[in-house]
Amino acid sequence: MRVAPDQLKWVIDDVIPHTAALQALMGDVTVLPGRDITPATISDADILLVRSITPVNESLLAASSVQFVGTATAGVDHFDIEAIERLGVVWSAAPGSNAVSVVEYVLGALATSGWLERVISGCPVGLIGLGQVGERLARRLLHLGCQVLAYDPLRAGWPSDIHRIELDEILRQPVISLHANLHDQIAHASRGLLNADRAGQMIAALSEREDGGLFINSGRGDLMTIEALSRLVDSPWTVILDTWPGEPSLSADLLSRCDWVSPHIAGHSIKARENGSDLLAAAVARWADVEAPAIPKLVDRDGVNSGSETRSAERGAVDSGVIGWMTEFLRQQSILPREDARLREVAAAGLTSSEFDQLRKSYQQPAEWTGQRVTISAGDDGLRAAAAQLGLKVASE
């Protein structure tokens, strides 16, 4: 049996919340900003917990006593897993912890950008990546009666109710949302997946329709290249970025040409961060071979379980009053307008890494609205059905 975690030295990123589950395990803790986590600051640490801004590689770990490293994020592109394992360090992540938060961000972005009615009325949505976030988003959209298409060459056991297509066909869809894992595997590497040529395909597809296109990147910035981004923002595509190539820096020129921008906070709800801490607590307990503290279950509060089939709502005539209610609800919940204004105010001359970090640290994390109770008149069947399709619990007045 290993030494109990509460007898070990920990270094933790200062934006990781100390949930009850994590506190039950913690020993001698040093809390640091993510960019201040260096070989010197972790030299005598046993356990290291980070978020996405700290690269974890051989140069960070080689001279340290770290035995366990965890990231309170779903993505692990900041982890050099080969080097971590070669050094004999155990690692863990928090897959699915922020999925509901990102789904809510995308739904809010659809409403804020004026695309919600078109999507619910049958305008296809193309998803690149069908992992924890992509599948949950697909299922929420299917609940709303949307037409969902997806591309993910690494996905095994494809869900029968989600239409699988190739990348070239995805690029012809009027709404495209990026949710792939960022990786450099030889087969189907996703870094730079959306390059200048593929952006050109998206722009060429606009000639086949009259109402433009909507592009959202709330996955990882380096899924696309700077050249691709530059082409898209110069085109009729509406571009919404929560992540972008070259992040955290963003030039004043590119910023001014984007329609909407937020500082990589799509997955940063209160609940998502707590989920990340709780998943790491469970992983530390497994590694240390100690009893895991009580941890709230990660559940899909919209009632759609990952891996289960979703019955799509019937598409047809869309009631304008219902659509108006849904749009207004999502706009009120969306953090995109506030964060876009906040970022532009700070970064008129271009966004620097220090400004990016400060925007994220001062971010007012929202409570997730999925699964929350709303009261609607028992006689208003249309609104009650719409609220349930959004993922709300409906009570009668």
Protein backbone atom coordinates (compact mmCIF):
# COMPACT_ATOMS: atom_id res chain seq x y z
CA MET A 1 0.00 0.00 0.00
CA ARG A 2 1.28 3.47 -0.90
CA VAL A 3 1.65 6.31 1.58
CA ALA A 4 -1.75 7.87 2.23
CA PRO A 5 -2.41 10.94 0.05
CA ASP A 6 -2.83 13.19 3.09
CA GLN A 7 0.79 12.42 4.03
CA LEU A 8 2.09 13.60 0.65
CA LYS A 9 3.01 16.97 -0.83
CA TRP A 10 0.59 18.38 -3.40
CA VAL A 11 0.85 21.23 -5.93
CA ILE A 12 -2.50 22.39 -7.29
CA ASP A 13 -3.43 24.97 -9.93
CA ASP A 14 -5.13 27.88 -8.18
CA VAL A 15 -8.31 27.67 -10.29
CA ILE A 16 -9.06 24.07 -9.30
CA PRO A 17 -11.76 24.15 -6.59
CA HIS A 18 -11.09 22.24 -3.38
CA THR A 19 -14.28 20.18 -3.24
CA ALA A 20 -15.12 18.10 -0.18
CA ALA A 21 -13.93 14.97 -1.98
CA LEU A 22 -10.57 16.53 -2.80
CA GLN A 23 -10.11 18.04 0.66
CA ALA A 24 -10.67 14.63 2.22
CA LEU A 25 -7.46 13.42 0.54
CA MET A 26 -5.20 16.47 0.48
CA GLY A 27 -2.00 16.67 2.47
CA ASP A 28 0.57 19.48 2.43
CA VAL A 29 -0.78 21.67 -0.39
CA THR A 30 0.88 24.44 -2.39
CA VAL A 31 -1.50 26.41 -4.61
CA LEU A 32 -0.01 28.18 -7.63
CA PRO A 33 -1.17 29.89 -10.84
CA GLY A 34 -0.92 27.46 -13.72
CA ARG A 35 1.86 29.36 -15.47
CA ASP A 36 3.90 29.41 -12.24
CA ILE A 37 4.04 25.62 -12.08
CA THR A 38 7.65 24.96 -13.06
CA PRO A 39 10.32 22.31 -12.39
CA ALA A 40 11.48 24.37 -9.40
CA THR A 41 8.03 24.73 -7.84
CA ILE A 42 7.21 21.01 -8.04
CA SER A 43 10.66 19.58 -7.26
CA ASP A 44 9.55 17.96 -3.99
CA ALA A 45 5.88 17.42 -4.84
CA ASP A 46 4.30 13.96 -4.92
CA ILE A 47 0.96 14.87 -6.51
CA LEU A 48 0.43 17.53 -9.18
CA LEU A 49 -3.02 18.72 -10.30
CA VAL A 50 -3.27 21.15 -13.22
CA ARG A 51 -5.61 22.58 -15.80
CA SER A 52 -5.02 23.16 -19.50
CA ILE A 53 -2.51 26.02 -19.41
CA THR A 54 0.30 23.99 -17.79
CA PRO A 55 2.25 21.79 -20.26
CA VAL A 56 3.11 18.54 -18.47
CA ASN A 57 6.15 16.96 -20.11
CA GLU A 58 9.59 15.58 -19.40
CA SER A 59 11.17 18.97 -18.83
CA LEU A 60 8.59 19.71 -16.12
CA LEU A 61 8.64 16.33 -14.38
CA ALA A 62 12.09 14.79 -14.87
CA ALA A 63 13.79 16.32 -11.83
CA SER A 64 10.74 16.19 -9.58
CA SER A 65 9.42 13.61 -7.13
CA VAL A 66 5.94 13.69 -8.70
CA GLN A 67 4.29 10.28 -8.69
CA PHE A 68 0.79 11.25 -9.82
CA VAL A 69 -0.33 14.03 -12.17
CA GLY A 70 -3.91 14.86 -13.00
CA THR A 71 -5.67 17.43 -15.15
CA ALA A 72 -9.09 18.71 -14.12
CA THR A 73 -9.98 18.97 -17.81
CA ALA A 74 -11.42 16.57 -20.36
CA GLY A 75 -8.65 17.22 -22.91
CA VAL A 76 -5.08 16.00 -22.45
CA ASP A 77 -3.32 17.75 -25.35
CA HIS A 78 -1.17 19.60 -22.78
CA PHE A 79 0.09 16.21 -21.50
CA ASP A 80 3.05 14.46 -23.12
CA ILE A 81 1.65 11.07 -22.20
CA GLU A 82 4.57 9.12 -23.65
CA ALA A 83 7.04 11.08 -21.51
CA ILE A 84 4.83 10.91 -18.41
CA GLU A 85 4.54 7.14 -18.64
CA ARG A 86 8.24 6.73 -19.46
CA LEU A 87 9.04 8.53 -16.21
CA GLY A 88 6.80 6.09 -14.32
CA VAL A 89 4.29 8.77 -13.35
CA VAL A 90 0.61 7.83 -13.14
CA TRP A 91 -1.73 10.28 -14.85
CA SER A 92 -5.46 10.95 -15.00
CA ALA A 93 -7.92 13.37 -16.60
CA ALA A 94 -11.57 14.37 -16.14
CA PRO A 95 -13.44 13.25 -19.28
CA GLY A 96 -17.02 14.46 -19.46
CA SER A 97 -16.64 16.86 -16.55
CA ASN A 98 -17.44 19.94 -18.63
CA ALA A 99 -19.70 18.39 -21.27
CA VAL A 100 -22.98 19.92 -20.09
CA SER A 101 -21.35 23.34 -19.78
CA VAL A 102 -20.07 23.24 -23.37
CA VAL A 103 -23.45 22.04 -24.65
CA GLU A 104 -25.08 25.02 -22.96
CA TYR A 105 -22.46 27.36 -24.44
CA VAL A 106 -23.18 26.12 -27.98
CA LEU A 107 -26.96 26.37 -27.54
CA GLY A 108 -26.52 29.90 -26.24
CA ALA A 109 -24.29 30.72 -29.20
CA LEU A 110 -26.95 29.47 -31.62
CA ALA A 111 -29.50 31.79 -30.03
CA THR A 112 -27.15 34.77 -29.71
CA SER A 113 -26.06 34.54 -33.35
CA GLY A 114 -29.63 34.27 -34.65
CA TRP A 115 -29.27 30.69 -35.89
CA LEU A 116 -31.48 28.84 -33.40
CA GLU A 117 -34.71 29.04 -35.38
CA ARG A 118 -33.01 27.86 -38.57
CA VAL A 119 -31.43 24.90 -36.79
CA ILE A 120 -34.67 23.84 -35.12
CA SER A 121 -36.46 24.26 -38.44
CA GLY A 122 -34.19 21.69 -40.09
CA CYS A 123 -30.95 23.47 -40.98
CA PRO A 124 -28.28 20.72 -40.58
CA VAL A 125 -25.61 20.90 -37.90
CA GLY A 126 -22.26 19.25 -38.63
CA LEU A 127 -20.19 18.15 -35.61
CA ILE A 128 -16.48 17.40 -35.89
CA GLY A 129 -15.77 15.07 -32.98
CA LEU A 130 -18.23 12.75 -31.26
CA GLY A 131 -16.68 12.21 -27.86
CA GLN A 132 -18.08 13.13 -24.47
CA VAL A 133 -19.03 16.67 -25.52
CA GLY A 134 -19.90 16.02 -29.16
CA GLU A 135 -22.29 13.18 -28.39
CA ARG A 136 -24.05 15.07 -25.60
CA LEU A 137 -24.49 18.06 -27.90
CA ALA A 138 -25.78 15.80 -30.67
CA ARG A 139 -28.35 14.27 -28.34
CA ARG A 140 -29.55 17.64 -27.04
CA LEU A 141 -29.96 18.86 -30.63
CA LEU A 142 -31.82 15.68 -31.56
CA HIS A 143 -34.18 16.30 -28.64
CA LEU A 144 -34.89 19.68 -30.20
CA GLY A 145 -35.73 18.06 -33.52
CA CYS A 146 -32.53 19.20 -35.22
CA GLN A 147 -30.78 17.42 -38.06
CA VAL A 148 -27.36 16.30 -36.78
CA LEU A 149 -24.43 14.96 -38.82
CA ALA A 150 -21.08 14.00 -37.34
CA TYR A 151 -17.52 13.09 -38.29
CA ASP A 152 -15.14 11.23 -35.98
CA PRO A 153 -12.80 8.65 -37.53
CA LEU A 154 -11.61 7.44 -34.10
CA ARG A 155 -15.06 6.78 -32.67
CA ALA A 156 -15.81 3.09 -32.11
CA GLY A 157 -19.36 1.81 -31.68
CA TRP A 158 -21.08 4.57 -33.63
CA PRO A 159 -24.55 5.44 -32.24
CA SER A 160 -27.24 4.30 -34.67
CA ASP A 161 -29.30 7.47 -34.30
CA ILE A 162 -26.52 9.92 -35.25
CA HIS A 163 -25.77 10.21 -38.97
CA ARG A 164 -22.11 9.52 -39.77
CA ILE A 165 -20.52 11.32 -42.71
CA GLU A 166 -17.03 12.13 -44.00
CA LEU A 167 -15.17 15.37 -43.33
CA ASP A 168 -15.66 16.77 -46.84
CA GLU A 169 -19.42 16.51 -46.38
CA ILE A 170 -19.28 18.08 -42.92
CA LEU A 171 -17.52 21.09 -44.44
CA ARG A 172 -20.52 21.68 -46.71
CA GLN A 173 -22.98 22.01 -43.79
CA PRO A 174 -24.36 25.45 -42.89
CA VAL A 175 -23.54 25.05 -39.18
CA ILE A 176 -20.24 23.49 -38.08
CA SER A 177 -19.09 23.01 -34.49
CA LEU A 178 -15.64 21.68 -33.48
CA HIS A 179 -15.42 19.17 -30.61
CA ALA A 180 -12.60 16.80 -31.57
CA ASN A 181 -9.82 15.85 -29.20
CA LEU A 182 -6.55 17.54 -30.12
CA HIS A 183 -3.90 14.93 -30.89
CA ASP A 184 -0.98 14.12 -33.19
CA GLN A 185 -1.58 10.43 -33.77
CA ILE A 186 -0.33 9.43 -37.19
CA ALA A 187 -3.74 8.15 -38.22
CA HIS A 188 -6.27 10.98 -38.33
CA ALA A 189 -4.19 13.61 -36.52
CA SER A 190 -6.52 16.44 -35.52
CA ARG A 191 -4.01 19.27 -35.02
CA GLY A 192 -4.59 21.71 -37.87
CA LEU A 193 -7.49 19.58 -39.13
CA LEU A 194 -9.23 22.70 -40.36
CA ASN A 195 -6.56 24.20 -42.60
CA ALA A 196 -6.69 26.88 -45.28
CA ASP A 197 -7.81 24.45 -48.00
CA ARG A 198 -10.65 23.10 -45.88
CA ALA A 199 -11.68 26.61 -44.93
CA GLY A 200 -11.78 27.23 -48.66
CA GLN A 201 -14.18 24.29 -49.03
CA MET A 202 -16.44 25.83 -46.41
CA ILE A 203 -16.39 29.19 -48.17
CA ALA A 204 -17.09 27.58 -51.56
CA ALA A 205 -20.11 25.81 -50.06
CA LEU A 206 -21.69 29.18 -49.29
CA SER A 207 -22.37 29.64 -53.00
CA GLU A 208 -24.84 26.74 -52.76
CA ARG A 209 -27.07 28.51 -50.21
CA GLU A 210 -28.41 31.95 -49.51
CA ASP A 211 -28.31 32.29 -45.73
CA GLY A 212 -24.58 32.03 -44.98
CA GLY A 213 -23.00 29.76 -42.40
CA LEU A 214 -22.16 29.55 -38.70
CA PHE A 215 -18.83 28.21 -37.41
CA ILE A 216 -18.17 27.57 -33.70
CA ASN A 217 -14.90 26.45 -32.12
CA SER A 218 -15.41 25.64 -28.44
CA GLY A 219 -13.10 22.62 -28.56
CA ARG A 220 -9.39 23.29 -28.92
CA GLY A 221 -7.79 26.23 -30.72
CA ASP A 222 -5.19 24.24 -32.62
CA LEU A 223 -7.83 22.11 -34.32
CA MET A 224 -7.59 24.89 -36.90
CA THR A 225 -4.75 26.93 -38.35
CA ILE A 226 -4.27 30.69 -38.34
CA GLU A 227 -4.57 30.63 -42.13
CA ALA A 228 -7.94 28.88 -41.91
CA LEU A 229 -9.20 31.35 -39.33
CA SER A 230 -8.04 34.30 -41.41
CA ARG A 231 -9.90 32.98 -44.45
CA LEU A 232 -13.10 32.35 -42.51
CA VAL A 233 -13.26 35.76 -40.82
CA ASP A 234 -12.82 37.40 -44.24
CA SER A 235 -15.76 35.40 -45.63
CA PRO A 236 -19.53 35.57 -45.08
CA TRP A 237 -19.26 32.86 -42.38
CA THR A 238 -20.30 33.96 -38.89
CA VAL A 239 -17.36 32.97 -36.66
CA ILE A 240 -17.71 32.26 -32.92
CA LEU A 241 -14.49 31.42 -31.07
CA ASP A 242 -14.05 30.22 -27.52
CA THR A 243 -10.71 28.70 -28.57
CA TRP A 244 -8.45 29.73 -31.42
CA PRO A 245 -5.07 28.92 -33.00
CA GLY A 246 -2.19 30.60 -31.18
CA GLU A 247 -4.19 30.77 -27.95
CA PRO A 248 -3.77 32.54 -25.56
CA SER A 249 -2.53 35.34 -27.82
CA LEU A 250 -4.88 36.86 -30.41
CA SER A 251 -3.96 39.73 -32.69
CA ALA A 252 -6.04 42.89 -32.73
CA ASP A 253 -6.64 42.34 -36.44
CA LEU A 254 -8.09 38.85 -36.09
CA LEU A 255 -10.06 39.85 -33.00
CA SER A 256 -11.70 42.74 -34.84
CA ARG A 257 -12.72 40.43 -37.69
CA CYS A 258 -14.31 37.72 -35.53
CA ASP A 259 -18.04 37.99 -34.90
CA TRP A 260 -17.95 36.66 -31.32
CA VAL A 261 -15.06 35.70 -29.03
CA SER A 262 -14.81 34.38 -25.46
CA PRO A 263 -11.66 33.49 -23.46
CA HIS A 264 -11.83 29.66 -23.44
CA ILE A 265 -14.56 29.47 -20.82
CA ALA A 266 -17.23 27.35 -22.56
CA GLY A 267 -16.57 24.48 -20.16
CA HIS A 268 -16.05 26.60 -17.04
CA SER A 269 -19.36 26.43 -15.22
CA ILE A 270 -19.36 26.04 -11.45
CA LYS A 271 -20.50 22.44 -11.76
CA ALA A 272 -17.96 21.58 -14.48
CA ARG A 273 -15.06 22.68 -12.30
CA GLU A 274 -16.42 20.79 -9.31
CA ASN A 275 -16.82 17.71 -11.52
CA GLY A 276 -13.17 17.98 -12.56
CA SER A 277 -11.99 18.11 -8.94
CA ASP A 278 -14.20 15.19 -7.92
CA LEU A 279 -13.02 13.01 -10.79
CA LEU A 280 -9.41 13.71 -9.83
CA ALA A 281 -10.18 12.88 -6.20
CA ALA A 282 -11.51 9.50 -7.30
CA ALA A 283 -8.41 8.92 -9.45
CA VAL A 284 -6.02 9.81 -6.61
CA ALA A 285 -7.89 7.44 -4.28
CA ARG A 286 -7.58 4.59 -6.82
CA TRP A 287 -3.89 5.29 -7.31
CA ALA A 288 -3.20 5.41 -3.58
CA ASP A 289 -5.37 2.35 -2.94
CA VAL A 290 -7.44 4.12 -0.30
CA GLU A 291 -11.17 4.35 0.14
CA ALA A 292 -12.60 6.95 -2.20
CA PRO A 293 -14.43 9.85 -0.56
CA ALA A 294 -18.12 10.30 -1.33
CA ILE A 295 -18.35 11.85 -4.78
CA PRO A 296 -21.54 13.09 -6.47
CA LYS A 297 -22.33 11.08 -9.58
CA LEU A 298 -21.71 12.62 -12.97
CA VAL A 299 -25.14 12.44 -14.58
CA ASP A 300 -26.68 13.75 -17.78
CA ARG A 301 -29.28 15.97 -16.21
CA ASP A 302 -31.07 16.34 -19.54
CA GLY A 303 -32.11 12.70 -19.19
CA VAL A 304 -30.05 11.60 -22.20
CA ASN A 305 -27.47 9.02 -21.24
CA SER A 306 -24.27 8.73 -23.23
CA GLY A 307 -24.50 5.72 -25.50
CA SER A 308 -28.30 5.58 -25.47
CA GLU A 309 -30.45 6.29 -28.47
CA THR A 310 -32.41 9.51 -28.61
CA ARG A 311 -35.78 9.79 -30.24
CA SER A 312 -35.75 12.98 -32.28
CA ALA A 313 -38.65 15.36 -32.00
CA GLU A 314 -40.77 15.63 -35.10
CA ARG A 315 -39.63 18.34 -37.47
CA GLY A 316 -42.20 20.41 -39.21
CA ALA A 317 -43.86 23.80 -38.85
CA VAL A 318 -42.21 25.75 -36.05
CA ASP A 319 -44.41 27.81 -33.76
CA SER A 320 -42.92 31.30 -33.74
CA GLY A 321 -44.01 31.93 -30.15
CA VAL A 322 -42.30 28.78 -28.93
CA ILE A 323 -39.13 29.59 -30.87
CA GLY A 324 -39.21 33.11 -29.50
CA TRP A 325 -39.46 31.78 -25.93
CA MET A 326 -36.59 29.33 -26.45
CA THR A 327 -34.43 31.99 -28.08
CA GLU A 328 -35.05 34.48 -25.30
CA PHE A 329 -34.36 31.88 -22.61
CA LEU A 330 -31.05 30.84 -24.20
CA ARG A 331 -29.98 34.43 -24.79
CA GLN A 332 -30.61 35.25 -21.14
CA GLN A 333 -28.54 32.24 -20.08
CA SER A 334 -25.74 32.73 -22.61
CA ILE A 335 -22.45 34.13 -21.33
CA LEU A 336 -21.22 34.86 -24.89
CA PRO A 337 -22.33 38.54 -25.22
CA ARG A 338 -20.88 39.42 -21.80
CA GLU A 339 -17.58 37.62 -22.40
CA ASP A 340 -17.21 39.01 -25.92
CA ALA A 341 -17.60 42.55 -24.58
CA ARG A 342 -15.24 41.89 -21.67
CA LEU A 343 -12.53 40.45 -23.91
CA ARG A 344 -12.75 43.24 -26.49
CA GLU A 345 -12.57 45.91 -23.81
CA VAL A 346 -9.37 44.42 -22.41
CA ALA A 347 -7.76 43.47 -25.72
CA ALA A 348 -8.39 46.32 -28.14
CA ALA A 349 -4.69 46.21 -29.04
CA GLY A 350 -4.61 42.41 -29.14
CA LEU A 351 -4.86 39.77 -26.44
CA THR A 352 -1.74 38.80 -24.47
CA SER A 353 -1.25 35.70 -22.33
CA SER A 354 -1.41 37.72 -19.09
CA GLU A 355 -4.66 39.39 -20.16
CA PHE A 356 -6.05 36.00 -21.19
CA ASP A 357 -5.20 34.51 -17.79
CA GLN A 358 -6.77 37.45 -15.96
CA LEU A 359 -9.97 37.20 -18.01
CA ARG A 360 -10.27 33.54 -17.09
CA LYS A 361 -9.50 34.08 -13.41
CA SER A 362 -12.06 36.89 -13.11
CA TYR A 363 -14.69 34.97 -15.08
CA GLN A 364 -18.06 34.80 -13.32
CA GLN A 365 -18.76 31.10 -13.57
CA PRO A 366 -22.43 30.41 -14.30
CA ALA A 367 -24.61 27.77 -12.73
CA GLU A 368 -25.65 25.20 -15.33
CA TRP A 369 -29.31 25.56 -16.24
CA THR A 370 -29.75 22.02 -17.57
CA GLY A 371 -32.08 20.06 -15.30
CA GLN A 372 -33.29 23.19 -13.51
CA ARG A 373 -37.00 23.59 -12.79
CA VAL A 374 -39.16 26.10 -14.67
CA THR A 375 -42.82 26.83 -14.04
CA ILE A 376 -45.10 26.97 -17.08
CA SER A 377 -48.88 26.98 -17.22
CA ALA A 378 -50.38 23.49 -17.50
CA GLY A 379 -52.39 24.62 -20.52
CA ASP A 380 -49.39 25.82 -22.50
CA ASP A 381 -48.39 22.51 -24.04
CA GLY A 382 -46.11 24.02 -26.67
CA LEU A 383 -43.90 25.87 -24.21
CA ARG A 384 -43.88 22.94 -21.80
CA ALA A 385 -42.68 20.62 -24.56
CA ALA A 386 -40.07 23.14 -25.69
CA ALA A 387 -38.69 23.55 -22.17
CA ALA A 388 -38.43 19.79 -21.75
CA GLN A 389 -36.63 19.49 -25.10
CA LEU A 390 -34.12 22.09 -23.96
CA GLY A 391 -33.32 19.92 -20.94
CA LEU A 392 -35.35 21.73 -18.28
CA LYS A 393 -37.67 20.19 -15.69
CA VAL A 394 -41.17 21.57 -16.11
CA ALA A 395 -43.56 22.27 -13.25
CA SER A 396 -47.15 23.54 -13.51
CA GLU A 397 -48.33 26.85 -12.14
